[in-house]
């Protein structure tokens, strides 16, 4: 999977949010607020281009003190929310 073109992470009033940029996203009229970990996952996914939940969970485990099963479960939940919001392809 990969991030849909036109969505970027920005800091707005001290909050990290995903916003739509460009003509492809003209019908997307909302901001998606992220906590620090979710923003880190968005940035890591952006670096990878095409990614899997497993790759992101591995990356989290290498940077944070979290169990692999918990990381994978949390990443899958987050990716499902992003998919539902139209942020992923």
PDB file of N, CA and C in Angstrom:
ATOM      1  N   UNK A   1       0.840  -1.167   0.000  1.00  0.00           N
ATOM      2  CA  UNK A   1       0.000   0.000   0.000  1.00  0.00           C
ATOM      3  C   UNK A   1       0.884   1.227   0.000  1.00  0.00           C
ATOM      4  N   UNK A   2       0.286   2.379  -0.301  1.00  0.00           N
ATOM      5  CA  UNK A   2       1.048   3.628  -0.259  1.00  0.00           C
ATOM      6  C   UNK A   2       0.114   4.790   0.033  1.00  0.00           C
ATOM      7  N   UNK A   3       0.718   5.908   0.398  1.00  0.00           N
ATOM      8  CA  UNK A   3      -0.065   7.101   0.664  1.00  0.00           C
ATOM      9  C   UNK A   3      -0.614   7.635  -0.647  1.00  0.00           C
ATOM     10  N   UNK A   4      -1.855   8.114  -0.592  1.00  0.00           N
ATOM     11  CA  UNK A   4      -2.463   8.698  -1.768  1.00  0.00           C
ATOM     12  C   UNK A   4      -1.791  10.041  -2.064  1.00  0.00           C
ATOM     13  N   UNK A   5      -1.532  10.300  -3.321  1.00  0.00           N
ATOM     14  CA  UNK A   5      -0.878  11.534  -3.742  1.00  0.00           C
ATOM     15  C   UNK A   5      -1.700  12.742  -3.290  1.00  0.00           C
ATOM     16  N   UNK A   6      -0.993  13.748  -2.812  1.00  0.00           N
ATOM     17  CA  UNK A   6      -1.637  15.004  -2.449  1.00  0.00           C
ATOM     18  C   UNK A   6      -1.878  15.213  -0.968  1.00  0.00           C
ATOM     19  N   UNK A   7      -1.557  14.225  -0.142  1.00  0.00           N
ATOM     20  CA  UNK A   7      -1.730  14.376   1.301  1.00  0.00           C
ATOM     21  C   UNK A   7      -0.370  14.533   1.955  1.00  0.00           C
ATOM     22  N   UNK A   8      -0.246  15.554   2.798  1.00  0.00           N
ATOM     23  CA  UNK A   8       1.038  15.854   3.435  1.00  0.00           C
ATOM     24  C   UNK A   8       0.842  16.114   4.923  1.00  0.00           C
ATOM     25  N   UNK A   9       1.890  15.869   5.675  1.00  0.00           N
ATOM     26  CA  UNK A   9       1.905  16.134   7.108  1.00  0.00           C
ATOM     27  C   UNK A   9       2.393  17.564   7.319  1.00  0.00           C
ATOM     28  N   UNK A  10       1.631  18.317   8.087  1.00  0.00           N
ATOM     29  CA  UNK A  10       1.982  19.697   8.416  1.00  0.00           C
ATOM     30  C   UNK A  10       1.800  19.912   9.918  1.00  0.00           C
ATOM     31  N   UNK A  11       2.440  20.956  10.425  1.00  0.00           N
ATOM     32  CA  UNK A  11       2.193  21.371  11.799  1.00  0.00           C
ATOM     33  C   UNK A  11       1.353  22.641  11.752  1.00  0.00           C
ATOM     34  N   UNK A  12       0.189  22.589  12.388  1.00  0.00           N
ATOM     35  CA  UNK A  12      -0.739  23.709  12.405  1.00  0.00           C
ATOM     36  C   UNK A  12      -1.062  24.024  13.859  1.00  0.00           C
ATOM     37  N   UNK A  13      -0.704  25.203  14.300  1.00  0.00           N
ATOM     38  CA  UNK A  13      -0.954  25.627  15.679  1.00  0.00           C
ATOM     39  C   UNK A  13      -0.438  24.606  16.693  1.00  0.00           C
ATOM     40  N   UNK A  14       0.730  24.053  16.430  1.00  0.00           N
ATOM     41  CA  UNK A  14       1.353  23.104  17.334  1.00  0.00           C
ATOM     42  C   UNK A  14       0.844  21.679  17.220  1.00  0.00           C
ATOM     43  N   UNK A  15      -0.117  21.445  16.355  1.00  0.00           N
ATOM     44  CA  UNK A  15      -0.674  20.105  16.147  1.00  0.00           C
ATOM     45  C   UNK A  15      -0.179  19.547  14.817  1.00  0.00           C
ATOM     46  N   UNK A  16       0.100  18.250  14.778  1.00  0.00           N
ATOM     47  CA  UNK A  16       0.489  17.592  13.536  1.00  0.00           C
ATOM     48  C   UNK A  16      -0.778  17.105  12.847  1.00  0.00           C
ATOM     49  N   UNK A  17      -0.960  17.518  11.600  1.00  0.00           N
ATOM     50  CA  UNK A  17      -2.160  17.172  10.860  1.00  0.00           C
ATOM     51  C   UNK A  17      -1.805  16.757   9.435  1.00  0.00           C
ATOM     52  N   UNK A  18      -2.646  15.907   8.877  1.00  0.00           N
ATOM     53  CA  UNK A  18      -2.542  15.567   7.465  1.00  0.00           C
ATOM     54  C   UNK A  18      -3.529  16.462   6.735  1.00  0.00           C
ATOM     55  N   UNK A  19      -3.040  17.145   5.714  1.00  0.00           N
ATOM     56  CA  UNK A  19      -3.886  18.027   4.913  1.00  0.00           C
ATOM     57  C   UNK A  19      -3.775  17.634   3.447  1.00  0.00           C
ATOM     58  N   UNK A  20      -4.776  18.034   2.708  1.00  0.00           N
ATOM     59  CA  UNK A  20      -4.802  17.751   1.275  1.00  0.00           C
ATOM     60  C   UNK A  20      -4.227  18.944   0.520  1.00  0.00           C
ATOM     61  N   UNK A  21      -3.425  18.642  -0.492  1.00  0.00           N
ATOM     62  CA  UNK A  21      -2.867  19.672  -1.368  1.00  0.00           C
ATOM     63  C   UNK A  21      -3.082  19.238  -2.805  1.00  0.00           C
ATOM     64  N   UNK A  22      -3.363  20.156  -3.680  1.00  0.00           N
ATOM     65  CA  UNK A  22      -3.457  19.839  -5.097  1.00  0.00           C
ATOM     66  C   UNK A  22      -4.864  19.511  -5.546  1.00  0.00           C
ATOM     67  N   UNK A  23      -5.039  19.509  -6.840  1.00  0.00           N
ATOM     68  CA  UNK A  23      -6.335  19.322  -7.468  1.00  0.00           C
ATOM     69  C   UNK A  23      -6.911  17.926  -7.236  1.00  0.00           C
ATOM     70  N   UNK A  24      -6.059  16.907  -7.080  1.00  0.00           N
ATOM     71  CA  UNK A  24      -6.528  15.540  -6.879  1.00  0.00           C
ATOM     72  C   UNK A  24      -7.347  15.390  -5.605  1.00  0.00           C
ATOM     73  N   UNK A  25      -7.153  16.280  -4.653  1.00  0.00           N
ATOM     74  CA  UNK A  25      -7.769  16.145  -3.341  1.00  0.00           C
ATOM     75  C   UNK A  25      -8.781  17.249  -3.057  1.00  0.00           C
ATOM     76  N   UNK A  26      -9.300  17.863  -4.080  1.00  0.00           N
ATOM     77  CA  UNK A  26     -10.164  19.031  -3.900  1.00  0.00           C
ATOM     78  C   UNK A  26     -11.424  18.729  -3.095  1.00  0.00           C
ATOM     79  N   UNK A  27     -11.915  17.505  -3.124  1.00  0.00           N
ATOM     80  CA  UNK A  27     -13.122  17.151  -2.380  1.00  0.00           C
ATOM     81  C   UNK A  27     -12.840  16.745  -0.940  1.00  0.00           C
ATOM     82  N   UNK A  28     -11.604  16.776  -0.519  1.00  0.00           N
ATOM     83  CA  UNK A  28     -11.227  16.375   0.833  1.00  0.00           C
ATOM     84  C   UNK A  28     -11.203  17.619   1.702  1.00  0.00           C
ATOM     85  N   UNK A  29     -12.267  17.865   2.448  1.00  0.00           N
ATOM     86  CA  UNK A  29     -12.383  19.104   3.207  1.00  0.00           C
ATOM     87  C   UNK A  29     -12.157  18.959   4.688  1.00  0.00           C
ATOM     88  N   UNK A  30     -11.159  18.190   5.098  1.00  0.00           N
ATOM     89  CA  UNK A  30     -10.924  18.029   6.522  1.00  0.00           C
ATOM     90  C   UNK A  30      -9.432  17.926   6.820  1.00  0.00           C
ATOM     91  N   UNK A  31      -9.113  18.067   8.089  1.00  0.00           N
ATOM     92  CA  UNK A  31      -7.763  17.847   8.594  1.00  0.00           C
ATOM     93  C   UNK A  31      -7.801  16.589   9.444  1.00  0.00           C
ATOM     94  N   UNK A  32      -6.763  15.792   9.352  1.00  0.00           N
ATOM     95  CA  UNK A  32      -6.636  14.597  10.190  1.00  0.00           C
ATOM     96  C   UNK A  32      -5.541  14.883  11.204  1.00  0.00           C
ATOM     97  N   UNK A  33      -5.915  14.977  12.471  1.00  0.00           N
ATOM     98  CA  UNK A  33      -4.959  15.262  13.536  1.00  0.00           C
ATOM     99  C   UNK A  33      -4.263  13.970  13.959  1.00  0.00           C
ATOM    100  N   UNK A  34      -2.945  14.049  14.172  1.00  0.00           N
ATOM    101  CA  UNK A  34      -2.154  12.886  14.541  1.00  0.00           C
ATOM    102  C   UNK A  34      -1.393  13.138  15.839  1.00  0.00           C
ATOM    103  N   UNK A  35      -1.268  12.085  16.639  1.00  0.00           N
ATOM    104  CA  UNK A  35      -0.364  12.195  17.782  1.00  0.00           C
ATOM    105  C   UNK A  35       1.070  11.997  17.269  1.00  0.00           C
ATOM    106  N   UNK A  36       2.037  12.112  18.153  1.00  0.00           N
ATOM    107  CA  UNK A  36       3.437  12.040  17.715  1.00  0.00           C
ATOM    108  C   UNK A  36       3.783  10.702  17.065  1.00  0.00           C
ATOM    109  N   UNK A  37       3.268   9.601  17.617  1.00  0.00           N
ATOM    110  CA  UNK A  37       3.579   8.286  17.059  1.00  0.00           C
ATOM    111  C   UNK A  37       2.940   8.109  15.690  1.00  0.00           C
ATOM    112  N   UNK A  38       1.691   8.514  15.545  1.00  0.00           N
ATOM    113  CA  UNK A  38       1.020   8.405  14.248  1.00  0.00           C
ATOM    114  C   UNK A  38       1.729   9.276  13.204  1.00  0.00           C
ATOM    115  N   UNK A  39       2.187  10.461  13.608  1.00  0.00           N
ATOM    116  CA  UNK A  39       2.934  11.325  12.689  1.00  0.00           C
ATOM    117  C   UNK A  39       4.246  10.649  12.287  1.00  0.00           C
ATOM    118  N   UNK A  40       4.902   9.997  13.236  1.00  0.00           N
ATOM    119  CA  UNK A  40       6.135   9.266  12.934  1.00  0.00           C
ATOM    120  C   UNK A  40       5.851   8.161  11.925  1.00  0.00           C
ATOM    121  N   UNK A  41       4.749   7.435  12.111  1.00  0.00           N
ATOM    122  CA  UNK A  41       4.372   6.365  11.179  1.00  0.00           C
ATOM    123  C   UNK A  41       4.086   6.947   9.794  1.00  0.00           C
ATOM    124  N   UNK A  42       3.388   8.078   9.723  1.00  0.00           N
ATOM    125  CA  UNK A  42       3.108   8.723   8.427  1.00  0.00           C
ATOM    126  C   UNK A  42       4.420   9.078   7.712  1.00  0.00           C
ATOM    127  N   UNK A  43       5.358   9.649   8.462  1.00  0.00           N
ATOM    128  CA  UNK A  43       6.641  10.023   7.867  1.00  0.00           C
ATOM    129  C   UNK A  43       7.420   8.790   7.402  1.00  0.00           C
ATOM    130  N   UNK A  44       7.408   7.725   8.211  1.00  0.00           N
ATOM    131  CA  UNK A  44       8.108   6.488   7.839  1.00  0.00           C
ATOM    132  C   UNK A  44       7.465   5.889   6.590  1.00  0.00           C
ATOM    133  N   UNK A  45       6.147   5.876   6.520  1.00  0.00           N
ATOM    134  CA  UNK A  45       5.442   5.362   5.347  1.00  0.00           C
ATOM    135  C   UNK A  45       5.790   6.184   4.115  1.00  0.00           C
ATOM    136  N   UNK A  46       5.913   7.492   4.298  1.00  0.00           N
ATOM    137  CA  UNK A  46       6.292   8.375   3.192  1.00  0.00           C
ATOM    138  C   UNK A  46       7.695   8.048   2.695  1.00  0.00           C
ATOM    139  N   UNK A  47       8.617   7.790   3.615  1.00  0.00           N
ATOM    140  CA  UNK A  47       9.983   7.418   3.245  1.00  0.00           C
ATOM    141  C   UNK A  47      10.011   6.115   2.454  1.00  0.00           C
ATOM    142  N   UNK A  48       9.191   5.149   2.879  1.00  0.00           N
ATOM    143  CA  UNK A  48       9.190   3.833   2.245  1.00  0.00           C
ATOM    144  C   UNK A  48       8.510   3.838   0.873  1.00  0.00           C
ATOM    145  N   UNK A  49       7.554   4.716   0.670  1.00  0.00           N
ATOM    146  CA  UNK A  49       6.797   4.714  -0.583  1.00  0.00           C
ATOM    147  C   UNK A  49       5.748   3.621  -0.545  1.00  0.00           C
ATOM    148  N   UNK A  50       6.051   2.464  -1.107  1.00  0.00           N
ATOM    149  CA  UNK A  50       5.192   1.289  -0.946  1.00  0.00           C
ATOM    150  C   UNK A  50       5.574   0.636   0.372  1.00  0.00           C
ATOM    151  N   UNK A  51       4.586   0.301   1.193  1.00  0.00           N
ATOM    152  CA  UNK A  51       4.885  -0.255   2.507  1.00  0.00           C
ATOM    153  C   UNK A  51       3.824  -1.266   2.909  1.00  0.00           C
ATOM    154  N   UNK A  52       4.164  -2.040   3.920  1.00  0.00           N
ATOM    155  CA  UNK A  52       3.220  -2.960   4.542  1.00  0.00           C
ATOM    156  C   UNK A  52       3.110  -2.611   6.023  1.00  0.00           C
ATOM    157  N   UNK A  53       2.059  -3.097   6.637  1.00  0.00           N
ATOM    158  CA  UNK A  53       1.909  -2.910   8.081  1.00  0.00           C
ATOM    159  C   UNK A  53       3.081  -3.544   8.815  1.00  0.00           C
ATOM    160  N   UNK A  54       3.527  -4.678   8.315  1.00  0.00           N
ATOM    161  CA  UNK A  54       4.652  -5.374   8.952  1.00  0.00           C
ATOM    162  C   UNK A  54       5.934  -4.548   8.908  1.00  0.00           C
ATOM    163  N   UNK A  55       6.186  -3.889   7.780  1.00  0.00           N
ATOM    164  CA  UNK A  55       7.388  -3.044   7.685  1.00  0.00           C
ATOM    165  C   UNK A  55       7.324  -1.884   8.675  1.00  0.00           C
ATOM    166  N   UNK A  56       6.164  -1.264   8.778  1.00  0.00           N
ATOM    167  CA  UNK A  56       6.017  -0.139   9.701  1.00  0.00           C
ATOM    168  C   UNK A  56       6.136  -0.604  11.152  1.00  0.00           C
ATOM    169  N   UNK A  57       5.555  -1.756  11.467  1.00  0.00           N
ATOM    170  CA  UNK A  57       5.661  -2.291  12.829  1.00  0.00           C
ATOM    171  C   UNK A  57       7.118  -2.611  13.174  1.00  0.00           C
ATOM    172  N   UNK A  58       7.857  -3.179  12.224  1.00  0.00           N
ATOM    173  CA  UNK A  58       9.285  -3.444  12.446  1.00  0.00           C
ATOM    174  C   UNK A  58      10.047  -2.163  12.734  1.00  0.00           C
ATOM    175  N   UNK A  59       9.740  -1.126  11.969  1.00  0.00           N
ATOM    176  CA  UNK A  59      10.418   0.160  12.157  1.00  0.00           C
ATOM    177  C   UNK A  59      10.104   0.738  13.535  1.00  0.00           C
ATOM    178  N   UNK A  60       8.867   0.611  13.964  1.00  0.00           N
ATOM    179  CA  UNK A  60       8.497   1.099  15.294  1.00  0.00           C
ATOM    180  C   UNK A  60       9.279   0.350  16.365  1.00  0.00           C
ATOM    181  N   UNK A  61       9.352  -0.963  16.231  1.00  0.00           N
ATOM    182  CA  UNK A  61      10.064  -1.773  17.229  1.00  0.00           C
ATOM    183  C   UNK A  61      11.547  -1.429  17.288  1.00  0.00           C
ATOM    184  N   UNK A  62      12.116  -1.019  16.163  1.00  0.00           N
ATOM    185  CA  UNK A  62      13.541  -0.669  16.177  1.00  0.00           C
ATOM    186  C   UNK A  62      13.791   0.704  16.800  1.00  0.00           C
ATOM    187  N   UNK A  63      12.775   1.573  16.806  1.00  0.00           N
ATOM    188  CA  UNK A  63      12.951   2.918  17.364  1.00  0.00           C
ATOM    189  C   UNK A  63      12.306   3.114  18.737  1.00  0.00           C
ATOM    190  N   UNK A  64      11.333   2.275  19.069  1.00  0.00           N
ATOM    191  CA  UNK A  64      10.602   2.412  20.329  1.00  0.00           C
ATOM    192  C   UNK A  64      10.629   1.095  21.090  1.00  0.00           C
ATOM    193  N   UNK A  65      10.429   1.171  22.383  1.00  0.00           N
ATOM    194  CA  UNK A  65      10.369  -0.017  23.229  1.00  0.00           C
ATOM    195  C   UNK A  65       8.931  -0.522  23.263  1.00  0.00           C
ATOM    196  N   UNK A  66       8.586  -1.335  22.259  1.00  0.00           N
ATOM    197  CA  UNK A  66       7.228  -1.874  22.155  1.00  0.00           C
ATOM    198  C   UNK A  66       7.317  -3.300  21.626  1.00  0.00           C
ATOM    199  N   UNK A  67       6.399  -4.143  22.070  1.00  0.00           N
ATOM    200  CA  UNK A  67       6.369  -5.527  21.621  1.00  0.00           C
ATOM    201  C   UNK A  67       5.888  -5.600  20.171  1.00  0.00           C
ATOM    202  N   UNK A  68       6.420  -6.550  19.432  1.00  0.00           N
ATOM    203  CA  UNK A  68       6.110  -6.672  18.007  1.00  0.00           C
ATOM    204  C   UNK A  68       4.617  -6.882  17.757  1.00  0.00           C
ATOM    205  N   UNK A  69       3.981  -7.736  18.545  1.00  0.00           N
ATOM    206  CA  UNK A  69       2.550  -7.992  18.348  1.00  0.00           C
ATOM    207  C   UNK A  69       1.722  -6.733  18.575  1.00  0.00           C
ATOM    208  N   UNK A  70       2.056  -5.985  19.594  1.00  0.00           N
ATOM    209  CA  UNK A  70       1.334  -4.739  19.906  1.00  0.00           C
ATOM    210  C   UNK A  70       1.556  -3.711  18.803  1.00  0.00           C
ATOM    211  N   UNK A  71       2.794  -3.586  18.344  1.00  0.00           N
ATOM    212  CA  UNK A  71       3.111  -2.634  17.276  1.00  0.00           C
ATOM    213  C   UNK A  71       2.323  -2.972  16.014  1.00  0.00           C
ATOM    214  N   UNK A  72       2.310  -4.231  15.639  1.00  0.00           N
ATOM    215  CA  UNK A  72       1.600  -4.638  14.428  1.00  0.00           C
ATOM    216  C   UNK A  72       0.101  -4.398  14.563  1.00  0.00           C
ATOM    217  N   UNK A  73      -0.458  -4.726  15.694  1.00  0.00           N
ATOM    218  CA  UNK A  73      -1.886  -4.510  15.926  1.00  0.00           C
ATOM    219  C   UNK A  73      -2.235  -3.019  15.825  1.00  0.00           C
ATOM    220  N   UNK A  74      -1.432  -2.182  16.466  1.00  0.00           N
ATOM    221  CA  UNK A  74      -1.681  -0.738  16.449  1.00  0.00           C
ATOM    222  C   UNK A  74      -1.513  -0.158  15.047  1.00  0.00           C
ATOM    223  N   UNK A  75      -0.493  -0.603  14.322  1.00  0.00           N
ATOM    224  CA  UNK A  75      -0.270  -0.110  12.959  1.00  0.00           C
ATOM    225  C   UNK A  75      -1.438  -0.512  12.056  1.00  0.00           C
ATOM    226  N   UNK A  76      -1.879  -1.749  12.170  1.00  0.00           N
ATOM    227  CA  UNK A  76      -3.000  -2.201  11.339  1.00  0.00           C
ATOM    228  C   UNK A  76      -4.256  -1.377  11.612  1.00  0.00           C
ATOM    229  N   UNK A  77      -4.513  -1.082  12.872  1.00  0.00           N
ATOM    230  CA  UNK A  77      -5.679  -0.259  13.228  1.00  0.00           C
ATOM    231  C   UNK A  77      -5.545   1.140  12.621  1.00  0.00           C
ATOM    232  N   UNK A  78      -4.379   1.735  12.746  1.00  0.00           N
ATOM    233  CA  UNK A  78      -4.152   3.073  12.205  1.00  0.00           C
ATOM    234  C   UNK A  78      -4.290   3.077  10.682  1.00  0.00           C
ATOM    235  N   UNK A  79      -3.696   2.107  10.022  1.00  0.00           N
ATOM    236  CA  UNK A  79      -3.783   2.039   8.561  1.00  0.00           C
ATOM    237  C   UNK A  79      -5.223   1.839   8.103  1.00  0.00           C
ATOM    238  N   UNK A  80      -5.983   1.079   8.854  1.00  0.00           N
ATOM    239  CA  UNK A  80      -7.397   0.890   8.533  1.00  0.00           C
ATOM    240  C   UNK A  80      -8.147   2.220   8.613  1.00  0.00           C
ATOM    241  N   UNK A  81      -7.863   3.005   9.631  1.00  0.00           N
ATOM    242  CA  UNK A  81      -8.488   4.331   9.765  1.00  0.00           C
ATOM    243  C   UNK A  81      -8.081   5.241   8.610  1.00  0.00           C
ATOM    244  N   UNK A  82      -6.810   5.215   8.238  1.00  0.00           N
ATOM    245  CA  UNK A  82      -6.349   6.034   7.119  1.00  0.00           C
ATOM    246  C   UNK A  82      -6.977   5.578   5.811  1.00  0.00           C
ATOM    247  N   UNK A  83      -7.109   4.269   5.643  1.00  0.00           N
ATOM    248  CA  UNK A  83      -7.737   3.724   4.426  1.00  0.00           C
ATOM    249  C   UNK A  83      -9.189   4.205   4.357  1.00  0.00           C
ATOM    250  N   UNK A  84      -9.889   4.112   5.464  1.00  0.00           N
ATOM    251  CA  UNK A  84     -11.286   4.536   5.525  1.00  0.00           C
ATOM    252  C   UNK A  84     -11.434   6.029   5.221  1.00  0.00           C
ATOM    253  N   UNK A  85     -10.443   6.815   5.618  1.00  0.00           N
ATOM    254  CA  UNK A  85     -10.468   8.263   5.381  1.00  0.00           C
ATOM    255  C   UNK A  85     -10.018   8.642   3.980  1.00  0.00           C
ATOM    256  N   UNK A  86      -9.565   7.661   3.193  1.00  0.00           N
ATOM    257  CA  UNK A  86      -9.138   7.927   1.827  1.00  0.00           C
ATOM    258  C   UNK A  86      -7.714   8.420   1.685  1.00  0.00           C
ATOM    259  N   UNK A  87      -6.880   8.160   2.676  1.00  0.00           N
ATOM    260  CA  UNK A  87      -5.501   8.637   2.651  1.00  0.00           C
ATOM    261  C   UNK A  87      -4.531   7.660   1.997  1.00  0.00           C
ATOM    262  N   UNK A  88      -4.975   6.416   1.789  1.00  0.00           N
ATOM    263  CA  UNK A  88      -4.092   5.370   1.263  1.00  0.00           C
ATOM    264  C   UNK A  88      -4.654   4.751  -0.012  1.00  0.00           C
ATOM    265  N   UNK A  89      -3.749   4.209  -0.818  1.00  0.00           N
ATOM    266  CA  UNK A  89      -4.157   3.428  -1.998  1.00  0.00           C
ATOM    267  C   UNK A  89      -3.694   2.002  -1.824  1.00  0.00           C
TER     268      UNK A  89
END
